[in-house]
């Protein structure tokens, strides 16, 4: 009911750009360009947490991009999921080395977009799961260009974690250590070899220190019985819409 009301109110109430406030458009061309205007790039937080897979991001988390992500995540601007999903799809393509149409790959095993889970309390308070919603639109965009993709919610929170705001990199790693686990169904699929691990793409809306994605990679990697993070073998990658500006700046050196 809450989602239906939000979508209806978006049709009836005056619309302003989530990035800059320009009237009569949910996302203006300039703010859309901040999301999609340049190719996705690999980002590296510093310090890099152990087990972090290769991560690709569309834009720095600042200015219009920050405002758009917060509008979708915290204020229920659900119509922005399309633009955010397209940005995420570009990051998936960059991370897999498939920037354009895949042609014959329609018959290949699909890319498995695994969203980083939110706490149930956060999802209930927001009335939606923002990362999963973005992942669904990204998968749709990937299929449109010939890359088979599906969203597979393999992960869940095993225990409560503290609010990450204000925590440093080391504190975030400690806060998240062992916090994620596979769902019962996801664990069975992975252990039986029914999901090719080379196709797993962890997805999130934002990368700051990388601790969340490193923990997600650990949880997925354990199911394969390797005893090591999947990222150590290049078998797990990650894509996010935005990353901290410093994670982009490091790659310029």
C-alpha atoms as a PDB file:
ATOM      1  CA  UNK A   1       0.000   0.000   0.000  1.00  0.00           C
ATOM      2  CA  UNK A   2       2.806   2.417   0.873  1.00  0.00           C
ATOM      3  CA  UNK A   3       4.556   1.826  -2.461  1.00  0.00           C
ATOM      4  CA  UNK A   4       1.298   2.248  -4.365  1.00  0.00           C
ATOM      5  CA  UNK A   5       0.662   5.583  -2.631  1.00  0.00           C
ATOM      6  CA  UNK A   6       4.163   6.796  -3.421  1.00  0.00           C
ATOM      7  CA  UNK A   7       3.806   5.912  -7.089  1.00  0.00           C
ATOM      8  CA  UNK A   8       0.360   7.553  -7.264  1.00  0.00           C
ATOM      9  CA  UNK A   9       1.559  10.698  -5.505  1.00  0.00           C
ATOM     10  CA  UNK A  10       4.401  10.942  -8.006  1.00  0.00           C
ATOM     11  CA  UNK A  11       1.809  11.245 -10.761  1.00  0.00           C
ATOM     12  CA  UNK A  12      -0.408  13.761  -8.991  1.00  0.00           C
ATOM     13  CA  UNK A  13       2.028  16.065  -7.177  1.00  0.00           C
ATOM     14  CA  UNK A  14       4.408  18.576  -8.770  1.00  0.00           C
ATOM     15  CA  UNK A  15       7.684  16.966  -9.847  1.00  0.00           C
ATOM     16  CA  UNK A  16      11.150  18.432  -9.414  1.00  0.00           C
ATOM     17  CA  UNK A  17      14.525  17.014 -10.415  1.00  0.00           C
ATOM     18  CA  UNK A  18      15.913  14.947  -7.551  1.00  0.00           C
ATOM     19  CA  UNK A  19      19.415  16.155  -8.336  1.00  0.00           C
ATOM     20  CA  UNK A  20      19.032  19.916  -8.664  1.00  0.00           C
ATOM     21  CA  UNK A  21      15.388  20.796  -8.033  1.00  0.00           C
ATOM     22  CA  UNK A  22      14.584  21.885 -11.585  1.00  0.00           C
ATOM     23  CA  UNK A  23      10.779  21.760 -11.960  1.00  0.00           C
ATOM     24  CA  UNK A  24       8.658  19.425 -14.080  1.00  0.00           C
ATOM     25  CA  UNK A  25      11.141  16.602 -14.395  1.00  0.00           C
ATOM     26  CA  UNK A  26      12.118  13.835 -12.012  1.00  0.00           C
ATOM     27  CA  UNK A  27      15.683  13.824 -13.375  1.00  0.00           C
ATOM     28  CA  UNK A  28      16.934  16.561 -15.670  1.00  0.00           C
ATOM     29  CA  UNK A  29      19.378  15.967 -18.511  1.00  0.00           C
ATOM     30  CA  UNK A  30      22.311  17.516 -16.640  1.00  0.00           C
ATOM     31  CA  UNK A  31      21.815  15.378 -13.541  1.00  0.00           C
ATOM     32  CA  UNK A  32      21.205  12.320 -15.695  1.00  0.00           C
ATOM     33  CA  UNK A  33      24.530  12.990 -17.384  1.00  0.00           C
ATOM     34  CA  UNK A  34      26.207  12.976 -13.977  1.00  0.00           C
ATOM     35  CA  UNK A  35      25.059   9.350 -13.682  1.00  0.00           C
ATOM     36  CA  UNK A  36      25.550   8.193 -17.275  1.00  0.00           C
ATOM     37  CA  UNK A  37      27.830  10.744 -18.873  1.00  0.00           C
ATOM     38  CA  UNK A  38      31.113   8.833 -18.607  1.00  0.00           C
ATOM     39  CA  UNK A  39      31.969   5.125 -18.797  1.00  0.00           C
ATOM     40  CA  UNK A  40      31.977   3.162 -15.558  1.00  0.00           C
ATOM     41  CA  UNK A  41      35.396   2.804 -13.961  1.00  0.00           C
ATOM     42  CA  UNK A  42      37.059   0.533 -11.475  1.00  0.00           C
ATOM     43  CA  UNK A  43      37.268   2.090  -8.026  1.00  0.00           C
ATOM     44  CA  UNK A  44      39.571   1.257  -5.123  1.00  0.00           C
ATOM     45  CA  UNK A  45      38.957   2.502  -1.592  1.00  0.00           C
ATOM     46  CA  UNK A  46      41.975   3.163   0.578  1.00  0.00           C
ATOM     47  CA  UNK A  47      42.667   1.286   2.711  1.00  0.00           C
ATOM     48  CA  UNK A  48      41.358  -1.651   0.713  1.00  0.00           C
ATOM     49  CA  UNK A  49      39.585  -4.178   2.962  1.00  0.00           C
ATOM     50  CA  UNK A  50      40.749  -7.805   2.653  1.00  0.00           C
ATOM     51  CA  UNK A  51      38.611  -9.819   0.270  1.00  0.00           C
ATOM     52  CA  UNK A  52      37.188  -6.887  -1.648  1.00  0.00           C
ATOM     53  CA  UNK A  53      36.449  -7.954  -5.242  1.00  0.00           C
ATOM     54  CA  UNK A  54      37.018  -5.737  -8.263  1.00  0.00           C
ATOM     55  CA  UNK A  55      34.404  -2.971  -8.038  1.00  0.00           C
ATOM     56  CA  UNK A  56      33.108  -0.768 -10.860  1.00  0.00           C
ATOM     57  CA  UNK A  57      31.176   2.455 -10.272  1.00  0.00           C
ATOM     58  CA  UNK A  58      29.375   4.917 -12.504  1.00  0.00           C
ATOM     59  CA  UNK A  59      29.987   8.193 -10.674  1.00  0.00           C
ATOM     60  CA  UNK A  60      31.446   9.808  -7.551  1.00  0.00           C
ATOM     61  CA  UNK A  61      29.054  10.083  -4.632  1.00  0.00           C
ATOM     62  CA  UNK A  62      28.670  13.847  -4.547  1.00  0.00           C
ATOM     63  CA  UNK A  63      26.405  16.695  -5.643  1.00  0.00           C
ATOM     64  CA  UNK A  64      23.566  15.582  -7.937  1.00  0.00           C
ATOM     65  CA  UNK A  65      24.444  11.891  -7.785  1.00  0.00           C
ATOM     66  CA  UNK A  66      24.311  11.922  -3.999  1.00  0.00           C
ATOM     67  CA  UNK A  67      20.973  13.744  -4.049  1.00  0.00           C
ATOM     68  CA  UNK A  68      19.450  11.279  -6.535  1.00  0.00           C
ATOM     69  CA  UNK A  69      20.560   8.221  -4.586  1.00  0.00           C
ATOM     70  CA  UNK A  70      19.194   9.651  -1.332  1.00  0.00           C
ATOM     71  CA  UNK A  71      15.900  10.616  -2.974  1.00  0.00           C
ATOM     72  CA  UNK A  72      15.425   7.057  -4.199  1.00  0.00           C
ATOM     73  CA  UNK A  73      16.646   5.380  -1.028  1.00  0.00           C
ATOM     74  CA  UNK A  74      15.259   7.535   1.742  1.00  0.00           C
ATOM     75  CA  UNK A  75      12.432   9.558   0.226  1.00  0.00           C
ATOM     76  CA  UNK A  76      10.809   6.877  -1.899  1.00  0.00           C
ATOM     77  CA  UNK A  77      11.345   8.487  -5.316  1.00  0.00           C
ATOM     78  CA  UNK A  78      10.814   5.102  -6.937  1.00  0.00           C
ATOM     79  CA  UNK A  79      10.750   6.444 -10.473  1.00  0.00           C
ATOM     80  CA  UNK A  80      14.493   7.075 -10.219  1.00  0.00           C
ATOM     81  CA  UNK A  81      15.176   3.326 -10.156  1.00  0.00           C
ATOM     82  CA  UNK A  82      15.222   3.289 -13.957  1.00  0.00           C
ATOM     83  CA  UNK A  83      18.067   5.784 -14.259  1.00  0.00           C
ATOM     84  CA  UNK A  84      19.973   4.257 -11.348  1.00  0.00           C
ATOM     85  CA  UNK A  85      19.510   0.774 -12.783  1.00  0.00           C
ATOM     86  CA  UNK A  86      20.886   1.858 -16.158  1.00  0.00           C
ATOM     87  CA  UNK A  87      23.940   3.277 -14.408  1.00  0.00           C
ATOM     88  CA  UNK A  88      24.405   0.024 -12.502  1.00  0.00           C
ATOM     89  CA  UNK A  89      24.018  -2.013 -15.692  1.00  0.00           C
ATOM     90  CA  UNK A  90      26.851  -0.013 -17.258  1.00  0.00           C
ATOM     91  CA  UNK A  91      29.049  -0.929 -14.292  1.00  0.00           C
ATOM     92  CA  UNK A  92      28.195  -4.615 -14.697  1.00  0.00           C
ATOM     93  CA  UNK A  93      29.101  -4.459 -18.383  1.00  0.00           C
ATOM     94  CA  UNK A  94      32.388  -2.739 -17.583  1.00  0.00           C
ATOM     95  CA  UNK A  95      33.239  -5.312 -14.946  1.00  0.00           C
ATOM     96  CA  UNK A  96      32.541  -8.235 -17.248  1.00  0.00           C
ATOM     97  CA  UNK A  97      34.272  -6.733 -20.265  1.00  0.00           C
ATOM     98  CA  UNK A  98      31.016  -6.693 -22.252  1.00  0.00           C
ATOM     99  CA  UNK A  99      30.356  -3.018 -22.993  1.00  0.00           C
ATOM    100  CA  UNK A 100      28.018  -3.541 -25.925  1.00  0.00           C
ATOM    101  CA  UNK A 101      25.557  -6.012 -27.378  1.00  0.00           C
ATOM    102  CA  UNK A 102      26.383  -9.596 -26.467  1.00  0.00           C
ATOM    103  CA  UNK A 103      24.941 -11.214 -29.561  1.00  0.00           C
ATOM    104  CA  UNK A 104      25.169 -14.965 -29.124  1.00  0.00           C
ATOM    105  CA  UNK A 105      25.535 -14.737 -25.345  1.00  0.00           C
ATOM    106  CA  UNK A 106      21.772 -15.113 -25.035  1.00  0.00           C
ATOM    107  CA  UNK A 107      22.357 -18.841 -24.756  1.00  0.00           C
ATOM    108  CA  UNK A 108      25.058 -18.505 -22.107  1.00  0.00           C
ATOM    109  CA  UNK A 109      24.565 -18.860 -18.370  1.00  0.00           C
ATOM    110  CA  UNK A 110      23.101 -15.621 -17.023  1.00  0.00           C
ATOM    111  CA  UNK A 111      24.921 -13.049 -15.002  1.00  0.00           C
ATOM    112  CA  UNK A 112      23.745 -13.380 -11.406  1.00  0.00           C
ATOM    113  CA  UNK A 113      23.200  -9.988  -9.782  1.00  0.00           C
ATOM    114  CA  UNK A 114      23.329 -10.545  -6.018  1.00  0.00           C
ATOM    115  CA  UNK A 115      22.086  -7.493  -4.078  1.00  0.00           C
ATOM    116  CA  UNK A 116      23.701  -6.589  -0.777  1.00  0.00           C
ATOM    117  CA  UNK A 117      20.846  -7.001   1.726  1.00  0.00           C
ATOM    118  CA  UNK A 118      19.459  -4.274   3.932  1.00  0.00           C
ATOM    119  CA  UNK A 119      18.295  -4.867   7.481  1.00  0.00           C
ATOM    120  CA  UNK A 120      14.626  -5.841   7.653  1.00  0.00           C
ATOM    121  CA  UNK A 121      13.946  -2.866   9.882  1.00  0.00           C
ATOM    122  CA  UNK A 122      15.444  -0.486   7.304  1.00  0.00           C
ATOM    123  CA  UNK A 123      13.435  -2.031   4.468  1.00  0.00           C
ATOM    124  CA  UNK A 124      10.252  -1.774   6.539  1.00  0.00           C
ATOM    125  CA  UNK A 125      10.924   1.840   7.469  1.00  0.00           C
ATOM    126  CA  UNK A 126      11.603   2.837   3.849  1.00  0.00           C
ATOM    127  CA  UNK A 127       8.763   0.799   2.422  1.00  0.00           C
ATOM    128  CA  UNK A 128      11.017  -0.721  -0.230  1.00  0.00           C
ATOM    129  CA  UNK A 129      14.406  -2.357  -0.772  1.00  0.00           C
ATOM    130  CA  UNK A 130      16.351   0.217  -2.812  1.00  0.00           C
ATOM    131  CA  UNK A 131      19.299  -1.977  -3.817  1.00  0.00           C
ATOM    132  CA  UNK A 132      17.102  -4.821  -4.976  1.00  0.00           C
ATOM    133  CA  UNK A 133      14.879  -2.442  -6.927  1.00  0.00           C
ATOM    134  CA  UNK A 134      17.905  -0.951  -8.715  1.00  0.00           C
ATOM    135  CA  UNK A 135      19.272  -4.438  -9.393  1.00  0.00           C
ATOM    136  CA  UNK A 136      16.002  -5.512 -11.029  1.00  0.00           C
ATOM    137  CA  UNK A 137      16.059  -2.544 -13.401  1.00  0.00           C
ATOM    138  CA  UNK A 138      19.749  -3.183 -14.142  1.00  0.00           C
ATOM    139  CA  UNK A 139      19.042  -6.805 -15.050  1.00  0.00           C
ATOM    140  CA  UNK A 140      16.274  -5.673 -17.368  1.00  0.00           C
ATOM    141  CA  UNK A 141      18.611  -3.213 -19.056  1.00  0.00           C
ATOM    142  CA  UNK A 142      21.285  -5.901 -19.495  1.00  0.00           C
ATOM    143  CA  UNK A 143      18.816  -8.293 -21.095  1.00  0.00           C
ATOM    144  CA  UNK A 144      17.746  -5.533 -23.465  1.00  0.00           C
ATOM    145  CA  UNK A 145      21.279  -5.389 -24.910  1.00  0.00           C
ATOM    146  CA  UNK A 146      21.603  -9.157 -25.160  1.00  0.00           C
ATOM    147  CA  UNK A 147      23.319  -9.972 -21.869  1.00  0.00           C
ATOM    148  CA  UNK A 148      21.312 -12.588 -19.956  1.00  0.00           C
ATOM    149  CA  UNK A 149      20.994 -11.461 -16.360  1.00  0.00           C
ATOM    150  CA  UNK A 150      18.834 -12.175 -13.367  1.00  0.00           C
ATOM    151  CA  UNK A 151      18.615 -10.933  -9.805  1.00  0.00           C
ATOM    152  CA  UNK A 152      19.307 -13.570  -7.187  1.00  0.00           C
ATOM    153  CA  UNK A 153      18.868 -12.448  -3.554  1.00  0.00           C
ATOM    154  CA  UNK A 154      21.299 -14.985  -2.094  1.00  0.00           C
ATOM    155  CA  UNK A 155      22.303 -13.034   1.016  1.00  0.00           C
ATOM    156  CA  UNK A 156      20.660 -12.038   4.272  1.00  0.00           C
ATOM    157  CA  UNK A 157      21.784 -10.436   7.498  1.00  0.00           C
ATOM    158  CA  UNK A 158      22.770 -12.978  10.147  1.00  0.00           C
ATOM    159  CA  UNK A 159      22.888 -10.441  12.958  1.00  0.00           C
ATOM    160  CA  UNK A 160      22.158  -6.812  13.590  1.00  0.00           C
ATOM    161  CA  UNK A 161      24.865  -4.268  12.798  1.00  0.00           C
ATOM    162  CA  UNK A 162      25.356  -0.751  14.118  1.00  0.00           C
ATOM    163  CA  UNK A 163      24.637   2.285  11.985  1.00  0.00           C
ATOM    164  CA  UNK A 164      27.691   2.757   9.749  1.00  0.00           C
ATOM    165  CA  UNK A 165      27.458   6.543   9.656  1.00  0.00           C
ATOM    166  CA  UNK A 166      30.457   8.102  11.328  1.00  0.00           C
ATOM    167  CA  UNK A 167      32.464   4.869  11.492  1.00  0.00           C
ATOM    168  CA  UNK A 168      35.958   4.667  10.032  1.00  0.00           C
ATOM    169  CA  UNK A 169      37.205   1.911   7.746  1.00  0.00           C
ATOM    170  CA  UNK A 170      38.518  -0.303  10.561  1.00  0.00           C
ATOM    171  CA  UNK A 171      35.361   0.178  12.628  1.00  0.00           C
ATOM    172  CA  UNK A 172      33.176  -0.708   9.657  1.00  0.00           C
ATOM    173  CA  UNK A 173      35.096  -3.914   9.044  1.00  0.00           C
ATOM    174  CA  UNK A 174      34.641  -4.919  12.682  1.00  0.00           C
ATOM    175  CA  UNK A 175      30.976  -3.944  12.606  1.00  0.00           C
ATOM    176  CA  UNK A 176      30.283  -6.099   9.520  1.00  0.00           C
ATOM    177  CA  UNK A 177      32.548  -9.090  10.205  1.00  0.00           C
ATOM    178  CA  UNK A 178      30.413 -12.218   9.948  1.00  0.00           C
ATOM    179  CA  UNK A 179      27.215 -10.186   9.577  1.00  0.00           C
ATOM    180  CA  UNK A 180      26.036 -11.717   6.287  1.00  0.00           C
ATOM    181  CA  UNK A 181      25.153 -15.258   5.342  1.00  0.00           C
ATOM    182  CA  UNK A 182      23.558 -17.109   2.464  1.00  0.00           C
ATOM    183  CA  UNK A 183      19.864 -17.820   2.483  1.00  0.00           C
ATOM    184  CA  UNK A 184      19.057 -21.513   2.884  1.00  0.00           C
ATOM    185  CA  UNK A 185      17.997 -21.825  -0.749  1.00  0.00           C
ATOM    186  CA  UNK A 186      20.965 -19.881  -2.054  1.00  0.00           C
ATOM    187  CA  UNK A 187      23.386 -22.033  -0.101  1.00  0.00           C
ATOM    188  CA  UNK A 188      21.951 -25.222  -1.561  1.00  0.00           C
ATOM    189  CA  UNK A 189      22.153 -23.897  -5.113  1.00  0.00           C
ATOM    190  CA  UNK A 190      25.758 -22.794  -4.756  1.00  0.00           C
ATOM    191  CA  UNK A 191      26.989 -25.932  -3.005  1.00  0.00           C
ATOM    192  CA  UNK A 192      25.386 -28.146  -5.627  1.00  0.00           C
ATOM    193  CA  UNK A 193      27.181 -26.264  -8.366  1.00  0.00           C
ATOM    194  CA  UNK A 194      23.922 -25.094  -9.943  1.00  0.00           C
ATOM    195  CA  UNK A 195      25.104 -21.488 -10.067  1.00  0.00           C
ATOM    196  CA  UNK A 196      28.361 -20.819 -11.943  1.00  0.00           C
ATOM    197  CA  UNK A 197      30.395 -18.743  -9.530  1.00  0.00           C
ATOM    198  CA  UNK A 198      32.219 -16.956 -12.325  1.00  0.00           C
ATOM    199  CA  UNK A 199      28.914 -15.232 -13.138  1.00  0.00           C
ATOM    200  CA  UNK A 200      28.273 -13.763  -9.674  1.00  0.00           C
ATOM    201  CA  UNK A 201      28.141  -9.957  -9.550  1.00  0.00           C
ATOM    202  CA  UNK A 202      27.607  -8.389  -6.137  1.00  0.00           C
ATOM    203  CA  UNK A 203      25.623  -5.160  -6.455  1.00  0.00           C
ATOM    204  CA  UNK A 204      25.024  -2.220  -4.132  1.00  0.00           C
ATOM    205  CA  UNK A 205      24.033   1.400  -4.514  1.00  0.00           C
ATOM    206  CA  UNK A 206      27.134   2.887  -2.881  1.00  0.00           C
ATOM    207  CA  UNK A 207      30.727   2.050  -1.979  1.00  0.00           C
ATOM    208  CA  UNK A 208      32.462   3.991   0.785  1.00  0.00           C
ATOM    209  CA  UNK A 209      35.111   1.892   2.541  1.00  0.00           C
ATOM    210  CA  UNK A 210      34.292  -1.387   0.727  1.00  0.00           C
ATOM    211  CA  UNK A 211      33.642  -3.273   3.969  1.00  0.00           C
ATOM    212  CA  UNK A 212      30.095  -4.289   3.022  1.00  0.00           C
ATOM    213  CA  UNK A 213      31.083  -5.737  -0.348  1.00  0.00           C
ATOM    214  CA  UNK A 214      34.070  -7.520   1.182  1.00  0.00           C
ATOM    215  CA  UNK A 215      31.769  -9.158   3.733  1.00  0.00           C
ATOM    216  CA  UNK A 216      29.308 -10.117   0.984  1.00  0.00           C
ATOM    217  CA  UNK A 217      32.130 -11.696  -1.045  1.00  0.00           C
ATOM    218  CA  UNK A 218      33.218 -13.681   2.011  1.00  0.00           C
ATOM    219  CA  UNK A 219      29.694 -14.992   2.607  1.00  0.00           C
ATOM    220  CA  UNK A 220      29.259 -16.076  -1.027  1.00  0.00           C
ATOM    221  CA  UNK A 221      32.756 -17.554  -1.210  1.00  0.00           C
ATOM    222  CA  UNK A 222      32.219 -19.818   1.792  1.00  0.00           C
ATOM    223  CA  UNK A 223      29.462 -21.666  -0.038  1.00  0.00           C
ATOM    224  CA  UNK A 224      31.915 -22.923  -2.641  1.00  0.00           C
ATOM    225  CA  UNK A 225      34.046 -24.559   0.042  1.00  0.00           C
ATOM    226  CA  UNK A 226      37.201 -22.815  -1.119  1.00  0.00           C
ATOM    227  CA  UNK A 227      38.106 -21.566   2.340  1.00  0.00           C
ATOM    228  CA  UNK A 228      39.227 -18.341   0.662  1.00  0.00           C
ATOM    229  CA  UNK A 229      37.469 -15.283  -0.677  1.00  0.00           C
ATOM    230  CA  UNK A 230      36.169 -15.658  -4.182  1.00  0.00           C
ATOM    231  CA  UNK A 231      37.839 -12.392  -5.104  1.00  0.00           C
ATOM    232  CA  UNK A 232      41.221 -14.035  -4.668  1.00  0.00           C
ATOM    233  CA  UNK A 233      40.448 -16.119  -7.752  1.00  0.00           C
ATOM    234  CA  UNK A 234      38.827 -13.357  -9.797  1.00  0.00           C
ATOM    235  CA  UNK A 235      35.554 -15.295  -9.590  1.00  0.00           C
ATOM    236  CA  UNK A 236      33.527 -12.548  -7.969  1.00  0.00           C
ATOM    237  CA  UNK A 237      33.051  -8.975  -9.093  1.00  0.00           C
ATOM    238  CA  UNK A 238      31.002  -6.077  -7.848  1.00  0.00           C
ATOM    239  CA  UNK A 239      29.152  -3.107  -9.284  1.00  0.00           C
ATOM    240  CA  UNK A 240      27.805  -0.015  -7.548  1.00  0.00           C
ATOM    241  CA  UNK A 241      26.073   3.103  -8.775  1.00  0.00           C
ATOM    242  CA  UNK A 242      28.404   5.479  -6.925  1.00  0.00           C
ATOM    243  CA  UNK A 243      31.578   5.433  -4.871  1.00  0.00           C
ATOM    244  CA  UNK A 244      33.305   7.918  -2.619  1.00  0.00           C
ATOM    245  CA  UNK A 245      35.214  10.531  -4.658  1.00  0.00           C
ATOM    246  CA  UNK A 246      38.513   9.416  -3.130  1.00  0.00           C
ATOM    247  CA  UNK A 247      38.029   5.909  -4.552  1.00  0.00           C
ATOM    248  CA  UNK A 248      37.973   7.489  -8.040  1.00  0.00           C
ATOM    249  CA  UNK A 249      40.884   9.811  -7.350  1.00  0.00           C
ATOM    250  CA  UNK A 250      43.196   6.980  -6.368  1.00  0.00           C
ATOM    251  CA  UNK A 251      42.821   5.508  -9.841  1.00  0.00           C
ATOM    252  CA  UNK A 252      44.064   8.693 -11.479  1.00  0.00           C
ATOM    253  CA  UNK A 253      47.544   8.258  -9.990  1.00  0.00           C
END
